[in-house]
Amino acid sequence: MILWVNLNPAADPATTKKKEEMKDDTSIYNLINSILTSWNPLSVEGPALSDEYTGIIPSLIKLKKDYSAMVLFLKNITEQHYGLDCTDDEIKNVAQKIYAIH
């Protein structure tokens, strides 16, 4: 029996695909973070702004294909977690921007 070992994982199509998916995930993460920091419902200023909303990005990525669930999630986060009273239009606008990311 001959055992074949790939000593060059970079040449492995599966590895290449995983790297592309990671790059896509990073791009999506950064785009969502940009949308959230532009919205900035907590009015955070300075260097802390770039990290302020990163905790909710994984949930938004999971909900990215479900606009209604994303709106509900953002509404719950802003009202229950942040204690804010954002308008439905404001939340829908942010959700729409995130939903539009491909």
C-alpha atoms as a PDB file:
ATOM      1  CA  MET A   1       0.000   0.000   0.000  1.00  0.00           C
ATOM      2  CA  ILE A   2       1.279   3.487  -0.857  1.00  0.00           C
ATOM      3  CA  LEU A   3       0.473   6.327   1.458  1.00  0.00           C
ATOM      4  CA  TRP A   4       0.424   9.741  -0.194  1.00  0.00           C
ATOM      5  CA  VAL A   5       1.060  12.757   1.969  1.00  0.00           C
ATOM      6  CA  ASN A   6       0.638  16.270   0.666  1.00  0.00           C
ATOM      7  CA  LEU A   7       3.634  18.203   1.903  1.00  0.00           C
ATOM      8  CA  ASN A   8       2.408  21.389   0.257  1.00  0.00           C
ATOM      9  CA  PRO A   9      -0.970  22.267   1.837  1.00  0.00           C
ATOM     10  CA  ALA A  10      -1.051  25.487  -0.186  1.00  0.00           C
ATOM     11  CA  ALA A  11      -1.503  23.372  -3.317  1.00  0.00           C
ATOM     12  CA  ASP A  12      -4.454  21.521  -1.819  1.00  0.00           C
ATOM     13  CA  PRO A  13      -7.733  22.794  -3.355  1.00  0.00           C
ATOM     14  CA  ALA A  14      -9.554  22.264  -0.040  1.00  0.00           C
ATOM     15  CA  THR A  15      -7.015  24.458   1.757  1.00  0.00           C
ATOM     16  CA  THR A  16      -7.319  27.118  -0.930  1.00  0.00           C
ATOM     17  CA  LYS A  17     -11.095  27.080  -0.595  1.00  0.00           C
ATOM     18  CA  LYS A  18     -10.862  27.403   3.200  1.00  0.00           C
ATOM     19  CA  LYS A  19      -8.525  30.389   2.825  1.00  0.00           C
ATOM     20  CA  GLU A  20     -10.959  32.028   0.389  1.00  0.00           C
ATOM     21  CA  GLU A  21     -13.855  31.432   2.795  1.00  0.00           C
ATOM     22  CA  MET A  22     -11.838  32.923   5.661  1.00  0.00           C
ATOM     23  CA  LYS A  23     -11.035  35.939   3.504  1.00  0.00           C
ATOM     24  CA  ASP A  24     -14.727  36.305   2.666  1.00  0.00           C
ATOM     25  CA  ASP A  25     -15.639  36.005   6.354  1.00  0.00           C
ATOM     26  CA  THR A  26     -13.091  38.671   7.254  1.00  0.00           C
ATOM     27  CA  SER A  27     -14.416  40.967   4.549  1.00  0.00           C
ATOM     28  CA  ILE A  28     -18.005  40.458   5.690  1.00  0.00           C
ATOM     29  CA  TYR A  29     -16.980  41.000   9.311  1.00  0.00           C
ATOM     30  CA  ASN A  30     -15.203  44.250   8.406  1.00  0.00           C
ATOM     31  CA  LEU A  31     -18.116  45.484   6.289  1.00  0.00           C
ATOM     32  CA  ILE A  32     -20.604  44.819   9.080  1.00  0.00           C
ATOM     33  CA  ASN A  33     -18.320  46.505  11.594  1.00  0.00           C
ATOM     34  CA  SER A  34     -18.109  49.524   9.291  1.00  0.00           C
ATOM     35  CA  ILE A  35     -21.906  49.707   9.055  1.00  0.00           C
ATOM     36  CA  LEU A  36     -22.301  49.432  12.832  1.00  0.00           C
ATOM     37  CA  THR A  37     -19.625  52.015  13.598  1.00  0.00           C
ATOM     38  CA  SER A  38     -21.160  54.411  11.075  1.00  0.00           C
ATOM     39  CA  TRP A  39     -24.532  53.954  12.770  1.00  0.00           C
ATOM     40  CA  ASN A  40     -22.928  54.144  16.245  1.00  0.00           C
ATOM     41  CA  PRO A  41     -26.127  54.144  18.328  1.00  0.00           C
ATOM     42  CA  LEU A  42     -24.113  54.448  21.557  1.00  0.00           C
ATOM     43  CA  SER A  43     -22.268  57.538  20.280  1.00  0.00           C
ATOM     44  CA  VAL A  44     -18.895  56.055  21.176  1.00  0.00           C
ATOM     45  CA  GLU A  45     -15.942  58.283  20.372  1.00  0.00           C
ATOM     46  CA  GLY A  46     -12.242  57.666  19.822  1.00  0.00           C
ATOM     47  CA  PRO A  47     -10.371  54.408  19.363  1.00  0.00           C
ATOM     48  CA  ALA A  48     -12.954  52.381  21.309  1.00  0.00           C
ATOM     49  CA  LEU A  49     -15.439  52.833  18.463  1.00  0.00           C
ATOM     50  CA  SER A  50     -13.699  50.273  16.231  1.00  0.00           C
ATOM     51  CA  ASP A  51     -14.267  47.536  18.841  1.00  0.00           C
ATOM     52  CA  GLU A  52     -17.551  48.630  20.413  1.00  0.00           C
ATOM     53  CA  TYR A  53     -19.947  46.560  18.300  1.00  0.00           C
ATOM     54  CA  THR A  54     -17.741  43.567  17.436  1.00  0.00           C
ATOM     55  CA  GLY A  55     -19.513  41.368  19.982  1.00  0.00           C
ATOM     56  CA  ILE A  56     -22.728  41.316  17.952  1.00  0.00           C
ATOM     57  CA  ILE A  57     -21.123  40.759  14.542  1.00  0.00           C
ATOM     58  CA  PRO A  58     -21.045  36.919  14.719  1.00  0.00           C
ATOM     59  CA  SER A  59     -24.799  36.880  15.396  1.00  0.00           C
ATOM     60  CA  LEU A  60     -25.415  39.280  12.527  1.00  0.00           C
ATOM     61  CA  ILE A  61     -23.345  37.104  10.198  1.00  0.00           C
ATOM     62  CA  LYS A  62     -25.509  34.101  11.144  1.00  0.00           C
ATOM     63  CA  LEU A  63     -28.666  36.153  10.534  1.00  0.00           C
ATOM     64  CA  LYS A  64     -27.390  37.796   7.350  1.00  0.00           C
ATOM     65  CA  LYS A  65     -29.802  35.886   5.120  1.00  0.00           C
ATOM     66  CA  ASP A  66     -32.851  36.487   7.324  1.00  0.00           C
ATOM     67  CA  TYR A  67     -33.761  40.170   7.194  1.00  0.00           C
ATOM     68  CA  SER A  68     -36.691  39.933   9.634  1.00  0.00           C
ATOM     69  CA  ALA A  69     -34.645  38.062  12.229  1.00  0.00           C
ATOM     70  CA  MET A  70     -31.853  40.592  11.843  1.00  0.00           C
ATOM     71  CA  VAL A  71     -34.234  43.507  12.429  1.00  0.00           C
ATOM     72  CA  LEU A  72     -35.608  41.793  15.536  1.00  0.00           C
ATOM     73  CA  PHE A  73     -32.087  41.047  16.796  1.00  0.00           C
ATOM     74  CA  LEU A  74     -30.944  44.665  16.316  1.00  0.00           C
ATOM     75  CA  LYS A  75     -34.116  45.960  17.964  1.00  0.00           C
ATOM     76  CA  ASN A  76     -33.607  43.665  20.973  1.00  0.00           C
ATOM     77  CA  ILE A  77     -29.923  44.571  21.292  1.00  0.00           C
ATOM     78  CA  THR A  78     -30.550  48.302  21.132  1.00  0.00           C
ATOM     79  CA  GLU A  79     -33.513  48.262  23.515  1.00  0.00           C
ATOM     80  CA  GLN A  80     -32.684  45.528  26.003  1.00  0.00           C
ATOM     81  CA  HIS A  81     -28.892  45.485  26.024  1.00  0.00           C
ATOM     82  CA  TYR A  82     -28.008  49.089  25.228  1.00  0.00           C
ATOM     83  CA  GLY A  83     -31.146  50.628  26.766  1.00  0.00           C
ATOM     84  CA  LEU A  84     -31.799  52.797  23.716  1.00  0.00           C
ATOM     85  CA  ASP A  85     -34.978  53.722  21.913  1.00  0.00           C
ATOM     86  CA  CYS A  86     -34.037  53.585  18.221  1.00  0.00           C
ATOM     87  CA  THR A  87     -36.740  54.050  15.614  1.00  0.00           C
ATOM     88  CA  ASP A  88     -37.886  51.089  13.562  1.00  0.00           C
ATOM     89  CA  ASP A  89     -36.785  52.935  10.415  1.00  0.00           C
ATOM     90  CA  GLU A  90     -33.300  53.427  11.831  1.00  0.00           C
ATOM     91  CA  ILE A  91     -32.976  49.748  12.707  1.00  0.00           C
ATOM     92  CA  LYS A  92     -34.396  48.635   9.361  1.00  0.00           C
ATOM     93  CA  ASN A  93     -31.951  50.894   7.542  1.00  0.00           C
ATOM     94  CA  VAL A  94     -28.990  49.277   9.316  1.00  0.00           C
ATOM     95  CA  ALA A  95     -30.394  45.782   8.785  1.00  0.00           C
ATOM     96  CA  GLN A  96     -30.919  46.507   5.097  1.00  0.00           C
ATOM     97  CA  LYS A  97     -27.285  47.577   4.678  1.00  0.00           C
ATOM     98  CA  ILE A  98     -26.067  44.389   6.351  1.00  0.00           C
ATOM     99  CA  TYR A  99     -28.559  42.236   4.433  1.00  0.00           C
ATOM    100  CA  ALA A 100     -27.273  43.708   1.151  1.00  0.00           C
ATOM    101  CA  ILE A 101     -23.757  42.360   1.746  1.00  0.00           C
ATOM    102  CA  HIS A 102     -23.077  39.377  -0.488  1.00  0.00           C
END
